[in-house]
Amino acid sequence: MAKTVLLAFLSLLLVVAIILQPDAAFQSSLQGLTVWWSIVFPGLLPFLVLYELIAAFGLAHAAGALLQPLMGRLFKLPGEAALTIVLGWMGGYPGGAEATASLRKRNIVSKQQGQRLLALSHMPNPLFMLVVIGAGFLHKPIAGFIIATAVWLSAIWITLLITWFSRKEQSDLPAASAHAENKQKPSMLHQAAEALRLGREQDGRSFGKALGDAVAASVQRLMMIGGFMIFAAVLAKLAEPLLSPLLDQTGLGFMGQAFFEGHLGAYAAAVWDAPGTSTIANAAAIAAVLAWSGFSGILQAGYSISGTDLKLLPFIAWRAAHAVHACLFMIVLWHPITSLLRPLLAPEATPTFADFDSPDDALGTYAALSFKVSELPLLWQHSLTACAIIALIGIALAILLFPYRKAQKTG
């Protein structure tokens, strides 16, 4: 009852704040809509549709069979989790959360495995890091690559640490694997071909039906994501009067925007120009913001895992830990990677941040954060290219496994 009253009271306060600041609420919602349409929608739609098709035609099962040894030894996860990680890392959040929830509902992963997989697969869109942050925000594409490296490596590091400390799962899994090793197993390609056949038979939909269902479900999911992003952008704007004095005193003005929305927070961190900041500080701030993913990204993951026994509180703690580690990894990796790249690149291509003539040009704190639609890089053509590459990989895998499927049928 107390929780219900509190939520109702907060909702009423939000409505009053919007009524008192209609122009600010409208501008912030338009900003969130711009980021969603320019970055998130083209970045996620092809991958979500492709994932549905891959699952429908058994390629997810085949990839799981091939990657089972790697996933089991490193992360103590089933092979099917590999495709979930690929989707989350390539499509961006909350694509990985959707796939994780699907595996949990089918009992392919345990609750503990699902919590780890949820955290590991919740990643920012790589095209956003490489193209928008690197080329758009920072005007140096290589800088986006370095930040992405820090975010990815820190996620793997934390997952390996948590996996190593999972004593209970360590005692459960070897017995099952040892029992399996006593049996005569076919080759990995034969196992993948059999998994492909079983996955296709379990689904049974035609290509047209599967494609239509995939597009409809993906667009509906992306509309939900857009609503979360717009809502978070409005919250960040309305919270300015409360957060600005504190954040301005500490010189961490970007954190207000970063707490609520990861994409806008990354831009705020990129133009962060507090006294004493340096290139490494900006890079570390961006990495931390991307690893945190913002209140919007966390809500999207929470919506995706609804209906399962996966918990949001451990996920939030994991996001905070990932943000700290991503920041530290960025500080440690920045000088070695830039030193390594400097002889290979022209001086003007060495990772550095754009210089601003005044704080007004840099937009100062998050309270002044704004940008035009024309200034925001679009991901449409890059997303379609990446989707085509993944589709070709899937086709090549199916062709590779075709002789083994044919041999099984004739045998």
Protein backbone atom coordinates (compact mmCIF):
# COMPACT_ATOMS: atom_id res chain seq x y z
CA MET A 1 0.00 0.00 0.00
CA ALA A 2 2.78 2.44 0.91
CA LYS A 3 4.52 1.76 -2.40
CA THR A 4 1.32 2.43 -4.32
CA VAL A 5 0.73 5.71 -2.50
CA LEU A 6 4.32 6.80 -3.11
CA LEU A 7 4.14 6.04 -6.84
CA ALA A 8 0.82 7.86 -7.14
CA PHE A 9 2.26 10.89 -5.33
CA LEU A 10 5.35 10.96 -7.57
CA SER A 11 3.17 10.67 -10.67
CA LEU A 12 1.09 13.63 -9.49
CA LEU A 13 4.25 15.68 -8.88
CA LEU A 14 5.45 14.87 -12.38
CA VAL A 15 2.16 16.00 -13.93
CA VAL A 16 2.31 19.26 -11.96
CA ALA A 17 5.93 19.83 -13.04
CA ILE A 18 5.00 19.33 -16.70
CA ILE A 19 2.11 21.77 -16.37
CA LEU A 20 4.38 24.37 -14.78
CA GLN A 21 7.14 23.90 -17.40
CA PRO A 22 5.36 22.94 -20.64
CA ASP A 23 8.01 24.36 -22.97
CA ALA A 24 10.89 22.60 -21.22
CA ALA A 25 8.96 19.31 -21.18
CA PHE A 26 8.19 19.61 -24.89
CA GLN A 27 11.77 20.43 -25.89
CA SER A 28 13.20 17.57 -23.84
CA SER A 29 10.68 15.08 -25.22
CA LEU A 30 11.56 16.21 -28.75
CA GLN A 31 15.23 15.66 -27.91
CA GLY A 32 14.55 12.12 -26.74
CA LEU A 33 12.47 11.46 -29.86
CA THR A 34 15.32 12.68 -32.06
CA VAL A 35 17.84 10.33 -30.47
CA TRP A 36 15.40 7.41 -30.70
CA TRP A 37 14.63 7.94 -34.38
CA SER A 38 18.18 8.77 -35.48
CA ILE A 39 20.10 6.20 -33.42
CA VAL A 40 18.08 3.59 -31.56
CA PHE A 41 15.44 2.72 -34.15
CA PRO A 42 17.81 2.10 -37.08
CA GLY A 43 20.36 0.53 -34.78
CA LEU A 44 18.00 -2.02 -33.24
CA LEU A 45 15.28 -2.80 -35.79
CA PRO A 46 17.34 -4.86 -38.27
CA PHE A 47 18.94 -6.89 -35.49
CA LEU A 48 15.68 -7.59 -33.67
CA VAL A 49 14.01 -8.74 -36.89
CA LEU A 50 17.04 -10.81 -37.84
CA TYR A 51 17.18 -12.44 -34.42
CA GLU A 52 13.56 -13.54 -34.72
CA LEU A 53 14.28 -15.07 -38.14
CA ILE A 54 17.44 -16.75 -36.90
CA ALA A 55 15.50 -18.32 -34.03
CA ALA A 56 12.63 -19.35 -36.32
CA PHE A 57 14.86 -21.22 -38.75
CA GLY A 58 17.02 -22.98 -36.18
CA LEU A 59 20.23 -21.00 -36.65
CA ALA A 60 20.15 -19.95 -33.00
CA HIS A 61 20.17 -23.60 -31.97
CA ALA A 62 23.02 -24.37 -34.39
CA ALA A 63 25.11 -21.44 -33.12
CA GLY A 64 24.45 -22.58 -29.57
CA ALA A 65 25.69 -26.08 -30.34
CA LEU A 66 28.89 -24.74 -31.91
CA LEU A 67 29.64 -22.27 -29.12
CA GLN A 68 28.63 -24.51 -26.22
CA PRO A 69 32.21 -25.40 -25.16
CA LEU A 70 33.34 -21.75 -25.18
CA MET A 71 30.33 -20.43 -23.28
CA GLY A 72 30.45 -23.25 -20.75
CA ARG A 73 34.15 -22.92 -19.94
CA LEU A 74 34.33 -19.12 -19.76
CA PHE A 75 30.97 -18.08 -18.34
CA LYS A 76 29.29 -21.35 -17.29
CA LEU A 77 26.43 -20.61 -19.67
CA PRO A 78 24.71 -22.81 -22.28
CA GLY A 79 25.68 -22.40 -25.91
CA GLU A 80 22.39 -20.67 -26.78
CA ALA A 81 23.54 -17.74 -24.62
CA ALA A 82 26.16 -16.90 -27.25
CA LEU A 83 23.54 -15.58 -29.67
CA THR A 84 21.99 -13.54 -26.87
CA ILE A 85 25.35 -11.88 -26.22
CA VAL A 86 25.85 -11.24 -29.94
CA LEU A 87 22.41 -9.63 -30.19
CA GLY A 88 22.95 -7.46 -27.12
CA TRP A 89 26.42 -6.34 -28.16
CA MET A 90 25.53 -5.64 -31.78
CA GLY A 91 21.98 -4.39 -31.40
CA GLY A 92 22.32 -2.42 -28.17
CA TYR A 93 20.10 -2.40 -25.12
CA PRO A 94 17.55 -3.80 -24.49
CA GLY A 95 17.98 -6.42 -27.22
CA GLY A 96 20.05 -8.64 -24.95
CA ALA A 97 17.48 -8.42 -22.16
CA GLU A 98 14.73 -9.60 -24.50
CA ALA A 99 16.77 -12.60 -25.60
CA THR A 100 17.78 -13.40 -22.01
CA ALA A 101 14.16 -13.36 -20.89
CA SER A 102 13.30 -15.72 -23.73
CA LEU A 103 15.99 -18.20 -22.64
CA ARG A 104 14.85 -18.01 -19.03
CA LYS A 105 11.20 -18.60 -19.92
CA ARG A 106 12.27 -21.73 -21.80
CA ASN A 107 14.41 -22.87 -18.85
CA ILE A 108 17.55 -22.91 -20.98
CA VAL A 109 19.36 -20.86 -18.33
CA SER A 110 18.97 -20.97 -14.56
CA LYS A 111 18.11 -17.91 -12.52
CA GLN A 112 21.74 -17.24 -11.60
CA GLN A 113 22.86 -17.77 -15.18
CA GLY A 114 20.08 -15.49 -16.37
CA GLN A 115 21.22 -12.68 -14.06
CA ARG A 116 24.76 -12.90 -15.37
CA LEU A 117 23.64 -13.16 -18.97
CA LEU A 118 21.30 -10.20 -18.54
CA ALA A 119 24.15 -8.03 -17.28
CA LEU A 120 26.66 -9.21 -19.89
CA SER A 121 24.32 -8.79 -22.86
CA HIS A 122 23.13 -5.29 -21.85
CA MET A 123 25.44 -3.18 -24.00
CA PRO A 124 25.21 0.11 -25.91
CA ASN A 125 24.85 -0.05 -29.66
CA PRO A 126 28.34 -0.41 -31.19
CA LEU A 127 27.36 1.85 -34.08
CA PHE A 128 26.46 4.51 -31.53
CA MET A 129 29.88 4.22 -29.89
CA LEU A 130 31.91 3.99 -33.09
CA VAL A 131 29.98 6.30 -35.40
CA VAL A 132 27.97 8.76 -33.31
CA ILE A 133 30.36 9.22 -30.37
CA GLY A 134 33.59 8.75 -32.31
CA ALA A 135 32.83 10.56 -35.56
CA GLY A 136 29.89 12.73 -34.50
CA PHE A 137 30.44 13.90 -30.94
CA LEU A 138 34.24 13.72 -30.74
CA HIS A 139 35.11 14.11 -34.44
CA LYS A 140 37.66 11.28 -34.10
CA PRO A 141 36.36 7.81 -35.05
CA ILE A 142 39.29 6.05 -33.33
CA ALA A 143 38.28 7.59 -30.00
CA GLY A 144 34.95 5.80 -30.26
CA PHE A 145 36.78 2.51 -30.83
CA ILE A 146 38.89 3.01 -27.69
CA ILE A 147 35.83 3.80 -25.57
CA ALA A 148 33.99 0.76 -26.95
CA THR A 149 37.00 -1.42 -26.13
CA ALA A 150 36.97 -0.22 -22.52
CA VAL A 151 33.23 -0.87 -22.18
CA TRP A 152 33.44 -4.38 -23.67
CA LEU A 153 36.55 -5.51 -21.80
CA SER A 154 35.25 -4.25 -18.46
CA ALA A 155 31.98 -6.17 -18.98
CA ILE A 156 33.85 -9.39 -19.73
CA TRP A 157 36.12 -8.84 -16.74
CA ILE A 158 33.24 -8.39 -14.29
CA THR A 159 31.40 -11.40 -15.69
CA LEU A 160 34.47 -13.60 -15.34
CA LEU A 161 34.91 -12.46 -11.73
CA ILE A 162 31.29 -13.18 -10.83
CA THR A 163 31.42 -16.51 -12.66
CA TRP A 164 34.55 -17.55 -10.81
CA PHE A 165 32.87 -16.84 -7.46
CA SER A 166 29.74 -18.81 -8.39
CA ARG A 167 30.73 -21.85 -6.34
CA LYS A 168 27.34 -23.50 -6.43
CA GLU A 169 27.17 -23.58 -10.20
CA GLN A 170 30.72 -24.83 -10.39
CA SER A 171 29.71 -27.89 -8.39
CA ASP A 172 26.60 -28.54 -10.49
CA LEU A 173 27.87 -28.21 -14.05
CA PRO A 174 30.90 -30.53 -14.12
CA ALA A 175 28.80 -33.55 -13.18
CA ALA A 176 26.50 -32.99 -16.13
CA SER A 177 29.38 -32.38 -18.50
CA ALA A 178 31.27 -35.42 -17.24
CA HIS A 179 28.23 -37.60 -17.80
CA ALA A 180 27.93 -36.24 -21.31
CA GLU A 181 31.59 -36.90 -22.05
CA ASN A 182 31.18 -40.61 -21.23
CA LYS A 183 28.89 -41.00 -24.22
CA GLN A 184 30.08 -41.23 -27.77
CA LYS A 185 29.42 -37.80 -29.23
CA PRO A 186 29.15 -36.90 -32.91
CA SER A 187 31.27 -34.08 -34.28
CA MET A 188 30.40 -30.47 -33.46
CA LEU A 189 29.17 -29.88 -36.99
CA HIS A 190 26.88 -32.90 -36.77
CA GLN A 191 25.52 -31.61 -33.45
CA ALA A 192 24.96 -28.17 -34.95
CA ALA A 193 23.17 -29.66 -37.96
CA GLU A 194 20.89 -31.70 -35.71
CA ALA A 195 20.17 -28.64 -33.55
CA LEU A 196 19.34 -26.66 -36.71
CA ARG A 197 16.86 -29.31 -37.81
CA LEU A 198 15.18 -29.59 -34.42
CA GLY A 199 14.90 -25.83 -34.04
CA ARG A 200 13.27 -25.48 -37.44
CA GLU A 201 10.81 -28.29 -36.76
CA GLN A 202 9.81 -26.82 -33.40
CA ASP A 203 8.95 -23.46 -34.98
CA GLY A 204 7.32 -24.64 -38.18
CA ARG A 205 6.38 -21.20 -39.57
CA SER A 206 6.89 -20.31 -43.22
CA PHE A 207 9.36 -17.57 -44.12
CA GLY A 208 6.61 -15.05 -44.86
CA LYS A 209 4.83 -15.73 -41.58
CA ALA A 210 8.06 -15.60 -39.57
CA LEU A 211 9.14 -12.36 -41.26
CA GLY A 212 5.79 -10.67 -40.67
CA ASP A 213 5.71 -11.70 -37.02
CA ALA A 214 9.31 -10.57 -36.54
CA VAL A 215 8.72 -7.12 -38.02
CA ALA A 216 5.51 -6.57 -36.06
CA ALA A 217 7.03 -7.65 -32.74
CA SER A 218 10.23 -5.64 -33.30
CA VAL A 219 8.43 -2.40 -34.21
CA GLN A 220 6.14 -2.75 -31.21
CA ARG A 221 9.14 -3.29 -28.96
CA LEU A 222 10.93 -0.26 -30.40
CA MET A 223 7.90 1.92 -29.81
CA MET A 224 8.08 0.91 -26.17
CA ILE A 225 11.78 1.78 -26.09
CA GLY A 226 11.07 5.20 -27.59
CA GLY A 227 8.50 5.90 -24.90
CA PHE A 228 11.00 5.07 -22.17
CA MET A 229 13.61 7.34 -23.73
CA ILE A 230 11.25 10.29 -24.08
CA PHE A 231 10.04 9.81 -20.52
CA ALA A 232 13.63 9.75 -19.20
CA ALA A 233 14.56 12.86 -21.18
CA VAL A 234 11.60 14.75 -19.68
CA LEU A 235 12.54 13.58 -16.18
CA ALA A 236 16.10 14.79 -16.67
CA LYS A 237 14.90 18.22 -17.77
CA LEU A 238 12.38 18.60 -14.95
CA ALA A 239 14.99 17.53 -12.39
CA GLU A 240 17.38 20.32 -13.39
CA PRO A 241 16.28 22.78 -10.68
CA LEU A 242 17.02 20.16 -8.02
CA LEU A 243 20.25 18.73 -9.42
CA SER A 244 21.91 21.72 -11.06
CA PRO A 245 23.17 23.44 -7.85
CA LEU A 246 24.75 20.27 -6.50
CA LEU A 247 26.28 19.10 -9.78
CA ASP A 248 27.56 22.54 -10.72
CA GLN A 249 29.40 22.79 -7.39
CA THR A 250 31.08 19.42 -7.87
CA GLY A 251 31.86 20.07 -11.53
CA LEU A 252 30.00 16.92 -12.63
CA GLY A 253 27.27 18.60 -14.63
CA PHE A 254 26.98 15.76 -17.13
CA MET A 255 25.85 13.28 -14.46
CA GLY A 256 22.31 14.62 -14.29
CA GLN A 257 21.62 13.82 -17.92
CA ALA A 258 23.65 10.61 -17.73
CA PHE A 259 21.65 9.25 -14.80
CA PHE A 260 18.38 9.38 -16.72
CA GLU A 261 19.32 8.72 -20.37
CA GLY A 262 22.49 7.07 -21.64
CA HIS A 263 22.58 8.48 -25.19
CA LEU A 264 22.03 12.08 -24.12
CA GLY A 265 24.34 11.51 -21.15
CA ALA A 266 27.13 10.38 -23.46
CA TYR A 267 26.83 13.63 -25.39
CA ALA A 268 26.87 15.63 -22.16
CA ALA A 269 30.03 13.79 -21.08
CA ALA A 270 31.64 14.41 -24.47
CA VAL A 271 31.25 18.19 -24.16
CA TRP A 272 31.93 18.25 -20.41
CA ASP A 273 34.25 21.21 -19.83
CA ALA A 274 34.64 21.59 -16.08
CA PRO A 275 37.88 23.14 -14.73
CA GLY A 276 40.71 20.62 -14.56
CA THR A 277 39.18 18.11 -16.96
CA SER A 278 41.32 16.41 -19.55
CA THR A 279 40.89 14.15 -22.53
CA ILE A 280 41.15 11.05 -20.35
CA ALA A 281 38.50 12.41 -17.99
CA ASN A 282 36.05 12.94 -20.84
CA ALA A 283 36.73 9.48 -22.25
CA ALA A 284 36.35 7.85 -18.84
CA ALA A 285 33.10 9.73 -18.24
CA ILE A 286 31.68 8.58 -21.57
CA ALA A 287 32.65 4.97 -20.89
CA ALA A 288 31.01 5.10 -17.45
CA VAL A 289 27.81 6.61 -18.85
CA LEU A 290 27.56 3.97 -21.58
CA ALA A 291 28.13 1.16 -19.09
CA TRP A 292 25.48 2.56 -16.74
CA SER A 293 22.99 2.90 -19.66
CA GLY A 294 20.82 5.40 -17.81
CA PHE A 295 17.50 5.11 -16.01
CA SER A 296 15.88 4.66 -19.41
CA GLY A 297 18.01 1.65 -20.33
CA ILE A 298 17.44 0.03 -16.93
CA LEU A 299 13.67 0.48 -17.25
CA GLN A 300 13.77 -1.08 -20.71
CA ALA A 301 15.61 -4.11 -19.36
CA GLY A 302 13.14 -4.33 -16.48
CA TYR A 303 10.24 -4.33 -18.91
CA SER A 304 11.92 -7.01 -21.02
CA ILE A 305 12.41 -9.42 -18.09
CA SER A 306 8.89 -8.99 -16.74
CA GLY A 307 7.22 -12.37 -16.49
CA THR A 308 10.44 -14.07 -15.40
CA ASP A 309 12.06 -14.54 -12.00
CA LEU A 310 15.02 -12.33 -12.95
CA LYS A 311 15.45 -9.39 -10.56
CA LEU A 312 16.13 -5.77 -11.42
CA LEU A 313 17.96 -4.80 -8.21
CA PRO A 314 21.01 -7.04 -8.84
CA PHE A 315 21.01 -5.77 -12.41
CA ILE A 316 21.16 -2.15 -11.20
CA ALA A 317 24.06 -3.03 -8.87
CA TRP A 318 25.82 -4.71 -11.81
CA ARG A 319 25.33 -1.60 -13.95
CA ALA A 320 26.88 0.59 -11.26
CA ALA A 321 29.85 -1.79 -10.93
CA HIS A 322 30.24 -1.89 -14.70
CA ALA A 323 30.26 1.92 -14.85
CA VAL A 324 33.07 2.09 -12.28
CA HIS A 325 35.12 -0.60 -14.04
CA ALA A 326 34.57 0.94 -17.48
CA CYS A 327 35.86 4.25 -16.15
CA LEU A 328 38.95 2.56 -14.67
CA PHE A 329 39.57 0.53 -17.83
CA MET A 330 39.39 3.70 -19.90
CA ILE A 331 41.98 5.41 -17.69
CA VAL A 332 44.30 2.38 -17.87
CA LEU A 333 43.90 1.72 -21.61
CA TRP A 334 43.91 5.27 -22.98
CA HIS A 335 47.65 5.95 -23.05
CA PRO A 336 48.75 2.46 -24.24
CA ILE A 337 46.24 2.39 -27.10
CA THR A 338 46.88 5.97 -28.20
CA SER A 339 50.65 5.37 -28.06
CA LEU A 340 50.16 2.24 -30.16
CA LEU A 341 48.01 4.04 -32.72
CA ARG A 342 50.04 7.23 -33.01
CA PRO A 343 52.72 5.81 -35.38
CA LEU A 344 50.02 4.26 -37.56
CA LEU A 345 47.80 7.32 -37.90
CA ALA A 346 48.20 10.82 -39.19
CA PRO A 347 48.63 13.43 -36.42
CA GLU A 348 45.17 14.84 -37.02
CA ALA A 349 43.66 11.35 -36.65
CA THR A 350 45.09 10.68 -33.20
CA PRO A 351 42.25 10.40 -30.68
CA THR A 352 41.51 13.75 -29.15
CA PHE A 353 38.46 15.76 -28.29
CA ALA A 354 37.22 18.77 -30.15
CA ASP A 355 38.43 22.11 -28.82
CA PHE A 356 35.81 24.70 -27.93
CA ASP A 357 36.40 28.42 -27.89
CA SER A 358 34.11 29.05 -24.94
CA PRO A 359 31.95 27.19 -22.43
CA ASP A 360 28.93 28.23 -24.46
CA ASP A 361 30.28 26.28 -27.46
CA ALA A 362 30.86 23.25 -25.28
CA LEU A 363 27.34 23.61 -23.81
CA GLY A 364 28.85 23.58 -20.31
CA THR A 365 26.75 21.43 -18.04
CA TYR A 366 23.86 19.18 -18.88
CA ALA A 367 21.44 22.04 -18.19
CA ALA A 368 22.50 23.60 -21.51
CA LEU A 369 22.50 20.34 -23.41
CA SER A 370 20.79 20.60 -26.80
CA PHE A 371 21.52 19.71 -30.37
CA LYS A 372 19.90 19.92 -33.78
CA VAL A 373 18.56 16.99 -35.71
CA SER A 374 20.91 17.80 -38.60
CA GLU A 375 23.92 17.55 -36.26
CA LEU A 376 23.11 14.03 -35.13
CA PRO A 377 24.63 11.26 -37.29
CA LEU A 378 22.19 8.73 -38.72
CA LEU A 379 22.72 5.00 -38.35
CA TRP A 380 20.35 3.79 -41.06
CA GLN A 381 22.88 2.91 -43.76
CA HIS A 382 25.42 1.52 -41.26
CA SER A 383 22.78 -0.57 -39.54
CA LEU A 384 21.55 -2.11 -42.79
CA THR A 385 25.13 -2.91 -43.79
CA ALA A 386 25.84 -4.65 -40.48
CA CYS A 387 22.54 -6.52 -40.74
CA ALA A 388 23.46 -7.73 -44.24
CA ILE A 389 26.80 -9.01 -42.95
CA ILE A 390 25.11 -10.97 -40.16
CA ALA A 391 22.58 -12.37 -42.62
CA LEU A 392 25.39 -13.55 -44.91
CA ILE A 393 27.10 -15.22 -41.94
CA GLY A 394 23.86 -17.03 -41.13
CA ILE A 395 23.45 -18.16 -44.74
CA ALA A 396 27.05 -19.37 -44.83
CA LEU A 397 26.47 -21.33 -41.61
CA ALA A 398 23.35 -22.94 -43.06
CA ILE A 399 25.21 -23.89 -46.24
CA LEU A 400 28.09 -25.31 -44.22
CA LEU A 401 25.74 -27.50 -42.19
CA PHE A 402 23.65 -28.65 -45.17
CA PRO A 403 25.81 -31.70 -46.03
CA TYR A 404 25.61 -32.93 -42.43
CA ARG A 405 21.84 -32.53 -42.37
CA LYS A 406 21.59 -34.40 -45.64
CA ALA A 407 23.82 -37.19 -44.30
CA GLN A 408 21.63 -37.51 -41.20
CA LYS A 409 18.49 -37.84 -43.31
CA THR A 410 19.97 -40.46 -45.63
CA GLY A 411 21.57 -42.29 -42.68
